[in-house]
PDB file of N, CA and C in Angstrom:
ATOM      1  N   UNK A   1       0.844  -1.175   0.000  1.00  0.00           N
ATOM      2  CA  UNK A   1       0.000   0.000   0.000  1.00  0.00           C
ATOM      3  C   UNK A   1       0.890   1.239   0.000  1.00  0.00           C
ATOM      4  N   UNK A   2       0.669   2.110  -0.962  1.00  0.00           N
ATOM      5  CA  UNK A   2       1.488   3.312  -1.066  1.00  0.00           C
ATOM      6  C   UNK A   2       1.136   4.335   0.013  1.00  0.00           C
ATOM      7  N   UNK A   3      -0.137   4.561   0.233  1.00  0.00           N
ATOM      8  CA  UNK A   3      -0.575   5.513   1.245  1.00  0.00           C
ATOM      9  C   UNK A   3      -1.286   4.732   2.357  1.00  0.00           C
ATOM     10  N   UNK A   4      -0.641   4.582   3.505  1.00  0.00           N
ATOM     11  CA  UNK A   4      -1.216   3.765   4.583  1.00  0.00           C
ATOM     12  C   UNK A   4      -2.300   4.511   5.352  1.00  0.00           C
ATOM     13  N   UNK A   5      -3.153   3.772   6.046  1.00  0.00           N
ATOM     14  CA  UNK A   5      -4.132   4.435   6.911  1.00  0.00           C
ATOM     15  C   UNK A   5      -3.412   5.072   8.104  1.00  0.00           C
ATOM     16  N   UNK A   6      -4.056   6.034   8.730  1.00  0.00           N
ATOM     17  CA  UNK A   6      -3.466   6.647   9.919  1.00  0.00           C
ATOM     18  C   UNK A   6      -3.593   5.686  11.096  1.00  0.00           C
ATOM     19  N   UNK A   7      -2.763   5.871  12.097  1.00  0.00           N
ATOM     20  CA  UNK A   7      -2.863   5.059  13.306  1.00  0.00           C
ATOM     21  C   UNK A   7      -4.123   5.458  14.072  1.00  0.00           C
ATOM     22  N   UNK A   8      -4.536   4.618  14.985  1.00  0.00           N
ATOM     23  CA  UNK A   8      -5.711   4.929  15.815  1.00  0.00           C
ATOM     24  C   UNK A   8      -5.503   6.221  16.594  1.00  0.00           C
ATOM     25  N   UNK A   9      -4.301   6.397  17.121  1.00  0.00           N
ATOM     26  CA  UNK A   9      -4.008   7.611  17.886  1.00  0.00           C
ATOM     27  C   UNK A   9      -4.069   8.856  16.996  1.00  0.00           C
ATOM     28  N   UNK A  10      -3.499   8.771  15.789  1.00  0.00           N
ATOM     29  CA  UNK A  10      -3.553   9.912  14.870  1.00  0.00           C
ATOM     30  C   UNK A  10      -4.987  10.206  14.452  1.00  0.00           C
ATOM     31  N   UNK A  11      -5.772   9.158  14.231  1.00  0.00           N
ATOM     32  CA  UNK A  11      -7.180   9.353  13.858  1.00  0.00           C
ATOM     33  C   UNK A  11      -7.941  10.056  14.980  1.00  0.00           C
ATOM     34  N   UNK A  12      -7.711   9.643  16.211  1.00  0.00           N
ATOM     35  CA  UNK A  12      -8.403  10.267  17.338  1.00  0.00           C
ATOM     36  C   UNK A  12      -7.997  11.734  17.484  1.00  0.00           C
ATOM     37  N   UNK A  13      -6.730  12.054  17.211  1.00  0.00           N
ATOM     38  CA  UNK A  13      -6.291  13.457  17.246  1.00  0.00           C
ATOM     39  C   UNK A  13      -6.971  14.257  16.136  1.00  0.00           C
ATOM     40  N   UNK A  14      -7.053  13.661  14.943  1.00  0.00           N
ATOM     41  CA  UNK A  14      -7.731  14.316  13.822  1.00  0.00           C
ATOM     42  C   UNK A  14      -9.192  14.572  14.166  1.00  0.00           C
ATOM     43  N   UNK A  15      -9.843  13.561  14.700  1.00  0.00           N
ATOM     44  CA  UNK A  15     -11.261  13.672  15.060  1.00  0.00           C
ATOM     45  C   UNK A  15     -11.469  14.762  16.114  1.00  0.00           C
ATOM     46  N   UNK A  16     -10.596  14.803  17.117  1.00  0.00           N
ATOM     47  CA  UNK A  16     -10.697  15.830  18.160  1.00  0.00           C
ATOM     48  C   UNK A  16     -10.505  17.225  17.565  1.00  0.00           C
ATOM     49  N   UNK A  17      -9.585  17.343  16.634  1.00  0.00           N
ATOM     50  CA  UNK A  17      -9.324  18.624  15.990  1.00  0.00           C
ATOM     51  C   UNK A  17     -10.542  19.083  15.187  1.00  0.00           C
ATOM     52  N   UNK A  18     -11.150  18.173  14.446  1.00  0.00           N
ATOM     53  CA  UNK A  18     -12.343  18.511  13.662  1.00  0.00           C
ATOM     54  C   UNK A  18     -13.482  18.907  14.597  1.00  0.00           C
ATOM     55  N   UNK A  19     -13.635  18.180  15.693  1.00  0.00           N
ATOM     56  CA  UNK A  19     -14.692  18.493  16.660  1.00  0.00           C
ATOM     57  C   UNK A  19     -14.480  19.883  17.239  1.00  0.00           C
ATOM     58  N   UNK A  20     -13.241  20.192  17.602  1.00  0.00           N
ATOM     59  CA  UNK A  20     -12.923  21.504  18.169  1.00  0.00           C
ATOM     60  C   UNK A  20     -13.186  22.615  17.156  1.00  0.00           C
ATOM     61  N   UNK A  21     -12.809  22.360  15.900  1.00  0.00           N
ATOM     62  CA  UNK A  21     -12.980  23.342  14.821  1.00  0.00           C
ATOM     63  C   UNK A  21     -14.461  23.511  14.472  1.00  0.00           C
ATOM     64  N   UNK A  22     -15.211  22.411  14.553  1.00  0.00           N
ATOM     65  CA  UNK A  22     -16.629  22.457  14.232  1.00  0.00           C
ATOM     66  C   UNK A  22     -16.949  22.197  12.778  1.00  0.00           C
ATOM     67  N   UNK A  23     -15.915  22.120  11.949  1.00  0.00           N
ATOM     68  CA  UNK A  23     -16.089  21.808  10.531  1.00  0.00           C
ATOM     69  C   UNK A  23     -14.741  21.459   9.917  1.00  0.00           C
ATOM     70  N   UNK A  24     -14.757  21.151   8.636  1.00  0.00           N
ATOM     71  CA  UNK A  24     -13.515  20.834   7.922  1.00  0.00           C
ATOM     72  C   UNK A  24     -12.900  22.097   7.340  1.00  0.00           C
ATOM     73  N   UNK A  25     -11.595  22.179   7.397  1.00  0.00           N
ATOM     74  CA  UNK A  25     -10.902  23.315   6.786  1.00  0.00           C
ATOM     75  C   UNK A  25     -10.829  23.162   5.273  1.00  0.00           C
ATOM     76  N   UNK A  26     -10.776  21.900   4.826  1.00  0.00           N
ATOM     77  CA  UNK A  26     -10.673  21.590   3.396  1.00  0.00           C
ATOM     78  C   UNK A  26     -11.786  20.622   3.022  1.00  0.00           C
ATOM     79  N   UNK A  27     -12.317  20.727   1.811  1.00  0.00           N
ATOM     80  CA  UNK A  27     -13.355  19.776   1.402  1.00  0.00           C
ATOM     81  C   UNK A  27     -12.773  18.386   1.137  1.00  0.00           C
ATOM     82  N   UNK A  28     -13.638  17.385   1.156  1.00  0.00           N
ATOM     83  CA  UNK A  28     -13.270  16.031   0.754  1.00  0.00           C
ATOM     84  C   UNK A  28     -13.154  16.058  -0.772  1.00  0.00           C
ATOM     85  N   UNK A  29     -12.068  15.531  -1.312  1.00  0.00           N
ATOM     86  CA  UNK A  29     -11.848  15.586  -2.755  1.00  0.00           C
ATOM     87  C   UNK A  29     -12.257  14.262  -3.390  1.00  0.00           C
ATOM     88  N   UNK A  30     -13.139  14.365  -4.377  1.00  0.00           N
ATOM     89  CA  UNK A  30     -13.621  13.204  -5.126  1.00  0.00           C
ATOM     90  C   UNK A  30     -13.158  13.302  -6.567  1.00  0.00           C
ATOM     91  N   UNK A  31     -13.083  12.139  -7.237  1.00  0.00           N
ATOM     92  CA  UNK A  31     -12.844  12.194  -8.670  1.00  0.00           C
ATOM     93  C   UNK A  31     -14.186  12.257  -9.393  1.00  0.00           C
ATOM     94  N   UNK A  32     -14.158  12.228 -10.692  1.00  0.00           N
ATOM     95  CA  UNK A  32     -15.360  12.362 -11.507  1.00  0.00           C
ATOM     96  C   UNK A  32     -16.357  11.223 -11.298  1.00  0.00           C
ATOM     97  N   UNK A  33     -15.896  10.119 -10.721  1.00  0.00           N
ATOM     98  CA  UNK A  33     -16.762   8.969 -10.446  1.00  0.00           C
ATOM     99  C   UNK A  33     -17.171   8.904  -8.975  1.00  0.00           C
ATOM    100  N   UNK A  34     -16.979  10.002  -8.250  1.00  0.00           N
ATOM    101  CA  UNK A  34     -17.300  10.107  -6.820  1.00  0.00           C
ATOM    102  C   UNK A  34     -16.493   9.161  -5.944  1.00  0.00           C
ATOM    103  N   UNK A  35     -15.274   8.847  -6.360  1.00  0.00           N
ATOM    104  CA  UNK A  35     -14.346   8.064  -5.548  1.00  0.00           C
ATOM    105  C   UNK A  35     -13.499   9.054  -4.748  1.00  0.00           C
ATOM    106  N   UNK A  36     -13.376   8.805  -3.449  1.00  0.00           N
ATOM    107  CA  UNK A  36     -12.609   9.717  -2.590  1.00  0.00           C
ATOM    108  C   UNK A  36     -11.122   9.630  -2.925  1.00  0.00           C
ATOM    109  N   UNK A  37     -10.540  10.779  -3.254  1.00  0.00           N
ATOM    110  CA  UNK A  37      -9.105  10.861  -3.518  1.00  0.00           C
ATOM    111  C   UNK A  37      -8.354  11.375  -2.295  1.00  0.00           C
ATOM    112  N   UNK A  38      -8.982  12.256  -1.537  1.00  0.00           N
ATOM    113  CA  UNK A  38      -8.347  12.818  -0.356  1.00  0.00           C
ATOM    114  C   UNK A  38      -9.422  13.153   0.659  1.00  0.00           C
ATOM    115  N   UNK A  39      -9.223  12.662   1.891  1.00  0.00           N
ATOM    116  CA  UNK A  39     -10.152  12.991   2.958  1.00  0.00           C
ATOM    117  C   UNK A  39     -10.902  11.816   3.549  1.00  0.00           C
ATOM    118  N   UNK A  40     -10.419  10.596   3.298  1.00  0.00           N
ATOM    119  CA  UNK A  40     -11.089   9.402   3.841  1.00  0.00           C
ATOM    120  C   UNK A  40     -11.299   9.498   5.350  1.00  0.00           C
ATOM    121  N   UNK A  41     -10.240   9.847   6.055  1.00  0.00           N
ATOM    122  CA  UNK A  41     -10.299   9.887   7.513  1.00  0.00           C
ATOM    123  C   UNK A  41     -11.139  11.063   8.010  1.00  0.00           C
ATOM    124  N   UNK A  42     -11.043  12.176   7.330  1.00  0.00           N
ATOM    125  CA  UNK A  42     -11.853  13.339   7.702  1.00  0.00           C
ATOM    126  C   UNK A  42     -13.336  13.032   7.503  1.00  0.00           C
ATOM    127  N   UNK A  43     -13.673  12.377   6.416  1.00  0.00           N
ATOM    128  CA  UNK A  43     -15.065  12.019   6.156  1.00  0.00           C
ATOM    129  C   UNK A  43     -15.598  11.103   7.254  1.00  0.00           C
ATOM    130  N   UNK A  44     -14.813  10.098   7.602  1.00  0.00           N
ATOM    131  CA  UNK A  44     -15.220   9.171   8.667  1.00  0.00           C
ATOM    132  C   UNK A  44     -15.444   9.923   9.980  1.00  0.00           C
ATOM    133  N   UNK A  45     -14.509  10.802  10.322  1.00  0.00           N
ATOM    134  CA  UNK A  45     -14.628  11.559  11.568  1.00  0.00           C
ATOM    135  C   UNK A  45     -15.866  12.454  11.552  1.00  0.00           C
ATOM    136  N   UNK A  46     -16.105  13.124  10.436  1.00  0.00           N
ATOM    137  CA  UNK A  46     -17.275  14.003  10.348  1.00  0.00           C
ATOM    138  C   UNK A  46     -18.571  13.215  10.477  1.00  0.00           C
ATOM    139  N   UNK A  47     -18.616  12.048   9.861  1.00  0.00           N
ATOM    140  CA  UNK A  47     -19.815  11.213   9.981  1.00  0.00           C
ATOM    141  C   UNK A  47     -20.034  10.806  11.432  1.00  0.00           C
ATOM    142  N   UNK A  48     -18.961  10.423  12.105  1.00  0.00           N
ATOM    143  CA  UNK A  48     -19.073  10.024  13.511  1.00  0.00           C
ATOM    144  C   UNK A  48     -19.490  11.190  14.397  1.00  0.00           C
ATOM    145  N   UNK A  49     -19.062  12.396  14.046  1.00  0.00           N
ATOM    146  CA  UNK A  49     -19.359  13.581  14.847  1.00  0.00           C
ATOM    147  C   UNK A  49     -20.649  14.284  14.428  1.00  0.00           C
ATOM    148  N   UNK A  50     -21.226  13.870  13.297  1.00  0.00           N
ATOM    149  CA  UNK A  50     -22.433  14.525  12.797  1.00  0.00           C
ATOM    150  C   UNK A  50     -22.173  15.905  12.226  1.00  0.00           C
ATOM    151  N   UNK A  51     -20.963  16.110  11.709  1.00  0.00           N
ATOM    152  CA  UNK A  51     -20.574  17.402  11.144  1.00  0.00           C
ATOM    153  C   UNK A  51     -20.769  17.358   9.629  1.00  0.00           C
ATOM    154  N   UNK A  52     -21.432  18.368   9.052  1.00  0.00           N
ATOM    155  CA  UNK A  52     -21.633  18.398   7.598  1.00  0.00           C
ATOM    156  C   UNK A  52     -20.295  18.442   6.852  1.00  0.00           C
ATOM    157  N   UNK A  53     -20.304  17.867   5.670  1.00  0.00           N
ATOM    158  CA  UNK A  53     -19.085  17.751   4.868  1.00  0.00           C
ATOM    159  C   UNK A  53     -19.285  18.461   3.536  1.00  0.00           C
ATOM    160  N   UNK A  54     -18.247  19.148   3.094  1.00  0.00           N
ATOM    161  CA  UNK A  54     -18.278  19.720   1.751  1.00  0.00           C
ATOM    162  C   UNK A  54     -17.350  18.892   0.861  1.00  0.00           C
ATOM    163  N   UNK A  55     -17.668  18.881  -0.426  1.00  0.00           N
ATOM    164  CA  UNK A  55     -16.918  18.079  -1.384  1.00  0.00           C
ATOM    165  C   UNK A  55     -16.406  18.955  -2.514  1.00  0.00           C
ATOM    166  N   UNK A  56     -15.303  18.533  -3.073  1.00  0.00           N
ATOM    167  CA  UNK A  56     -14.743  19.150  -4.272  1.00  0.00           C
ATOM    168  C   UNK A  56     -14.503  18.022  -5.271  1.00  0.00           C
ATOM    169  N   UNK A  57     -14.922  18.219  -6.502  1.00  0.00           N
ATOM    170  CA  UNK A  57     -14.757  17.177  -7.521  1.00  0.00           C
ATOM    171  C   UNK A  57     -13.685  17.599  -8.511  1.00  0.00           C
ATOM    172  N   UNK A  58     -12.745  16.678  -8.744  1.00  0.00           N
ATOM    173  CA  UNK A  58     -11.674  16.892  -9.730  1.00  0.00           C
ATOM    174  C   UNK A  58     -11.873  15.879 -10.837  1.00  0.00           C
ATOM    175  N   UNK A  59     -11.821  16.332 -12.060  1.00  0.00           N
ATOM    176  CA  UNK A  59     -12.052  15.451 -13.206  1.00  0.00           C
ATOM    177  C   UNK A  59     -10.720  14.966 -13.778  1.00  0.00           C
ATOM    178  N   UNK A  60     -10.492  13.666 -13.653  1.00  0.00           N
ATOM    179  CA  UNK A  60      -9.287  13.035 -14.197  1.00  0.00           C
ATOM    180  C   UNK A  60      -9.658  12.041 -15.298  1.00  0.00           C
ATOM    181  N   UNK A  61     -10.795  12.232 -15.941  1.00  0.00           N
ATOM    182  CA  UNK A  61     -11.258  11.307 -16.968  1.00  0.00           C
ATOM    183  C   UNK A  61     -10.153  11.057 -17.991  1.00  0.00           C
ATOM    184  N   UNK A  62      -9.789   9.775 -18.153  1.00  0.00           N
ATOM    185  CA  UNK A  62      -8.762   9.393 -19.121  1.00  0.00           C
ATOM    186  C   UNK A  62      -7.345   9.724 -18.691  1.00  0.00           C
ATOM    187  N   UNK A  63      -7.159  10.162 -17.453  1.00  0.00           N
ATOM    188  CA  UNK A  63      -5.835  10.571 -16.966  1.00  0.00           C
ATOM    189  C   UNK A  63      -5.535   9.877 -15.639  1.00  0.00           C
ATOM    190  N   UNK A  64      -5.525   8.550 -15.662  1.00  0.00           N
ATOM    191  CA  UNK A  64      -5.325   7.778 -14.433  1.00  0.00           C
ATOM    192  C   UNK A  64      -4.005   8.132 -13.744  1.00  0.00           C
ATOM    193  N   UNK A  65      -2.933   8.317 -14.510  1.00  0.00           N
ATOM    194  CA  UNK A  65      -1.637   8.659 -13.919  1.00  0.00           C
ATOM    195  C   UNK A  65      -1.704  10.025 -13.229  1.00  0.00           C
ATOM    196  N   UNK A  66      -2.403  10.978 -13.818  1.00  0.00           N
ATOM    197  CA  UNK A  66      -2.550  12.287 -13.180  1.00  0.00           C
ATOM    198  C   UNK A  66      -3.315  12.170 -11.862  1.00  0.00           C
ATOM    199  N   UNK A  67      -4.297  11.277 -11.832  1.00  0.00           N
ATOM    200  CA  UNK A  67      -5.051  11.055 -10.595  1.00  0.00           C
ATOM    201  C   UNK A  67      -4.141  10.478  -9.521  1.00  0.00           C
ATOM    202  N   UNK A  68      -3.322   9.499  -9.904  1.00  0.00           N
ATOM    203  CA  UNK A  68      -2.377   8.902  -8.960  1.00  0.00           C
ATOM    204  C   UNK A  68      -1.379   9.949  -8.463  1.00  0.00           C
ATOM    205  N   UNK A  69      -0.873  10.761  -9.356  1.00  0.00           N
ATOM    206  CA  UNK A  69       0.066  11.819  -8.968  1.00  0.00           C
ATOM    207  C   UNK A  69      -0.577  12.797  -7.995  1.00  0.00           C
ATOM    208  N   UNK A  70      -1.852  13.096  -8.211  1.00  0.00           N
ATOM    209  CA  UNK A  70      -2.556  13.996  -7.305  1.00  0.00           C
ATOM    210  C   UNK A  70      -2.617  13.403  -5.898  1.00  0.00           C
ATOM    211  N   UNK A  71      -3.009  12.146  -5.814  1.00  0.00           N
ATOM    212  CA  UNK A  71      -3.113  11.478  -4.510  1.00  0.00           C
ATOM    213  C   UNK A  71      -1.762  11.476  -3.805  1.00  0.00           C
ATOM    214  N   UNK A  72      -0.708  11.169  -4.547  1.00  0.00           N
ATOM    215  CA  UNK A  72       0.637  11.158  -3.967  1.00  0.00           C
ATOM    216  C   UNK A  72       1.022  12.558  -3.492  1.00  0.00           C
ATOM    217  N   UNK A  73       0.779  13.568  -4.309  1.00  0.00           N
ATOM    218  CA  UNK A  73       1.221  14.921  -3.959  1.00  0.00           C
ATOM    219  C   UNK A  73       0.521  15.449  -2.711  1.00  0.00           C
ATOM    220  N   UNK A  74      -0.767  15.147  -2.529  1.00  0.00           N
ATOM    221  CA  UNK A  74      -1.451  15.653  -1.342  1.00  0.00           C
ATOM    222  C   UNK A  74      -1.072  14.888  -0.077  1.00  0.00           C
ATOM    223  N   UNK A  75      -0.488  13.708  -0.242  1.00  0.00           N
ATOM    224  CA  UNK A  75      -0.077  12.909   0.914  1.00  0.00           C
ATOM    225  C   UNK A  75       1.419  12.968   1.191  1.00  0.00           C
ATOM    226  N   UNK A  76       2.167  13.615   0.347  1.00  0.00           N
ATOM    227  CA  UNK A  76       3.626  13.587   0.418  1.00  0.00           C
ATOM    228  C   UNK A  76       4.191  13.997   1.765  1.00  0.00           C
ATOM    229  N   UNK A  77       3.655  15.018   2.377  1.00  0.00           N
ATOM    230  CA  UNK A  77       4.248  15.537   3.616  1.00  0.00           C
ATOM    231  C   UNK A  77       3.432  15.203   4.861  1.00  0.00           C
ATOM    232  N   UNK A  78       2.533  14.286   4.735  1.00  0.00           N
ATOM    233  CA  UNK A  78       1.759  13.881   5.906  1.00  0.00           C
ATOM    234  C   UNK A  78       2.577  12.947   6.760  1.00  0.00           C
ATOM    235  N   UNK A  79       2.373  13.021   8.061  1.00  0.00           N
ATOM    236  CA  UNK A  79       3.239  12.325   8.997  1.00  0.00           C
ATOM    237  C   UNK A  79       3.122  10.811   8.981  1.00  0.00           C
ATOM    238  N   UNK A  80       2.063  10.237   8.411  1.00  0.00           N
ATOM    239  CA  UNK A  80       1.874   8.796   8.481  1.00  0.00           C
ATOM    240  C   UNK A  80       2.612   8.023   7.381  1.00  0.00           C
ATOM    241  N   UNK A  81       3.399   8.711   6.566  1.00  0.00           N
ATOM    242  CA  UNK A  81       4.200   8.017   5.558  1.00  0.00           C
ATOM    243  C   UNK A  81       5.560   7.658   6.144  1.00  0.00           C
ATOM    244  N   UNK A  82       6.011   6.431   5.882  1.00  0.00           N
ATOM    245  CA  UNK A  82       7.357   6.072   6.319  1.00  0.00           C
ATOM    246  C   UNK A  82       8.361   6.573   5.273  1.00  0.00           C
ATOM    247  N   UNK A  83       9.630   6.405   5.546  1.00  0.00           N
ATOM    248  CA  UNK A  83      10.672   6.952   4.673  1.00  0.00           C
ATOM    249  C   UNK A  83      10.598   6.387   3.253  1.00  0.00           C
ATOM    250  N   UNK A  84      10.347   5.084   3.116  1.00  0.00           N
ATOM    251  CA  UNK A  84      10.243   4.467   1.797  1.00  0.00           C
ATOM    252  C   UNK A  84       9.069   5.060   1.021  1.00  0.00           C
ATOM    253  N   UNK A  85       7.925   5.208   1.666  1.00  0.00           N
ATOM    254  CA  UNK A  85       6.751   5.756   0.997  1.00  0.00           C
ATOM    255  C   UNK A  85       6.984   7.199   0.573  1.00  0.00           C
ATOM    256  N   UNK A  86       7.672   7.975   1.411  1.00  0.00           N
ATOM    257  CA  UNK A  86       8.007   9.354   1.038  1.00  0.00           C
ATOM    258  C   UNK A  86       8.920   9.376  -0.185  1.00  0.00           C
ATOM    259  N   UNK A  87       9.900   8.470  -0.216  1.00  0.00           N
ATOM    260  CA  UNK A  87      10.833   8.412  -1.347  1.00  0.00           C
ATOM    261  C   UNK A  87      10.100   8.086  -2.645  1.00  0.00           C
ATOM    262  N   UNK A  88       9.192   7.123  -2.601  1.00  0.00           N
ATOM    263  CA  UNK A  88       8.393   6.779  -3.781  1.00  0.00           C
ATOM    264  C   UNK A  88       7.554   7.977  -4.202  1.00  0.00           C
ATOM    265  N   UNK A  89       6.937   8.646  -3.237  1.00  0.00           N
ATOM    266  CA  UNK A  89       6.105   9.803  -3.534  1.00  0.00           C
ATOM    267  C   UNK A  89       6.917  10.921  -4.176  1.00  0.00           C
ATOM    268  N   UNK A  90       8.106  11.154  -3.668  1.00  0.00           N
ATOM    269  CA  UNK A  90       8.968  12.202  -4.229  1.00  0.00           C
ATOM    270  C   UNK A  90       9.340  11.872  -5.667  1.00  0.00           C
ATOM    271  N   UNK A  91       9.637  10.597  -5.933  1.00  0.00           N
ATOM    272  CA  UNK A  91       9.975  10.202  -7.309  1.00  0.00           C
ATOM    273  C   UNK A  91       8.778  10.361  -8.236  1.00  0.00           C
ATOM    274  N   UNK A  92       7.585  10.029  -7.764  1.00  0.00           N
ATOM    275  CA  UNK A  92       6.391  10.217  -8.584  1.00  0.00           C
ATOM    276  C   UNK A  92       6.133  11.697  -8.825  1.00  0.00           C
ATOM    277  N   UNK A  93       6.380  12.498  -7.819  1.00  0.00           N
ATOM    278  CA  UNK A  93       6.197  13.936  -7.978  1.00  0.00           C
ATOM    279  C   UNK A  93       7.193  14.488  -9.016  1.00  0.00           C
ATOM    280  N   UNK A  94       8.409  13.977  -9.023  1.00  0.00           N
ATOM    281  CA  UNK A  94       9.400  14.405 -10.007  1.00  0.00           C
ATOM    282  C   UNK A  94       8.948  14.028 -11.413  1.00  0.00           C
ATOM    283  N   UNK A  95       8.340  12.856 -11.553  1.00  0.00           N
ATOM    284  CA  UNK A  95       7.811  12.451 -12.854  1.00  0.00           C
ATOM    285  C   UNK A  95       6.758  13.431 -13.345  1.00  0.00           C
ATOM    286  N   UNK A  96       5.946  13.922 -12.423  1.00  0.00           N
ATOM    287  CA  UNK A  96       4.905  14.870 -12.785  1.00  0.00           C
ATOM    288  C   UNK A  96       5.514  16.161 -13.318  1.00  0.00           C
ATOM    289  N   UNK A  97       6.574  16.614 -12.703  1.00  0.00           N
ATOM    290  CA  UNK A  97       7.227  17.853 -13.144  1.00  0.00           C
ATOM    291  C   UNK A  97       7.865  17.686 -14.517  1.00  0.00           C
ATOM    292  N   UNK A  98       8.364  16.457 -14.806  1.00  0.00           N
ATOM    293  CA  UNK A  98       9.022  16.189 -16.069  1.00  0.00           C
ATOM    294  C   UNK A  98       8.031  16.007 -17.226  1.00  0.00           C
ATOM    295  N   UNK A  99       6.774  15.679 -16.894  1.00  0.00           N
ATOM    296  CA  UNK A  99       5.814  15.414 -17.979  1.00  0.00           C
ATOM    297  C   UNK A  99       5.074  16.637 -18.407  1.00  0.00           C
TER     298      UNK A  99
END
């Protein structure tokens, strides 16, 4: 798995932060087929807390590699990636710049 799930402790911190904030700072990002690209954990936390969610749709129709690059780029600096996953993400990001 390239992008791992957050730990239980990290999820609980995220959930507490969303509860304190009262809403999401960023919308849940979906692709054109309503598949979640970014915000799985935030969506789960909001559902558990009964907090309304906003969505943003990005169209990657026919551009599967661009969709993958997007997912990697938004997760690149998140704390739940290990060193190997960060290295893979950085290389994929470099490919995006070259294309």
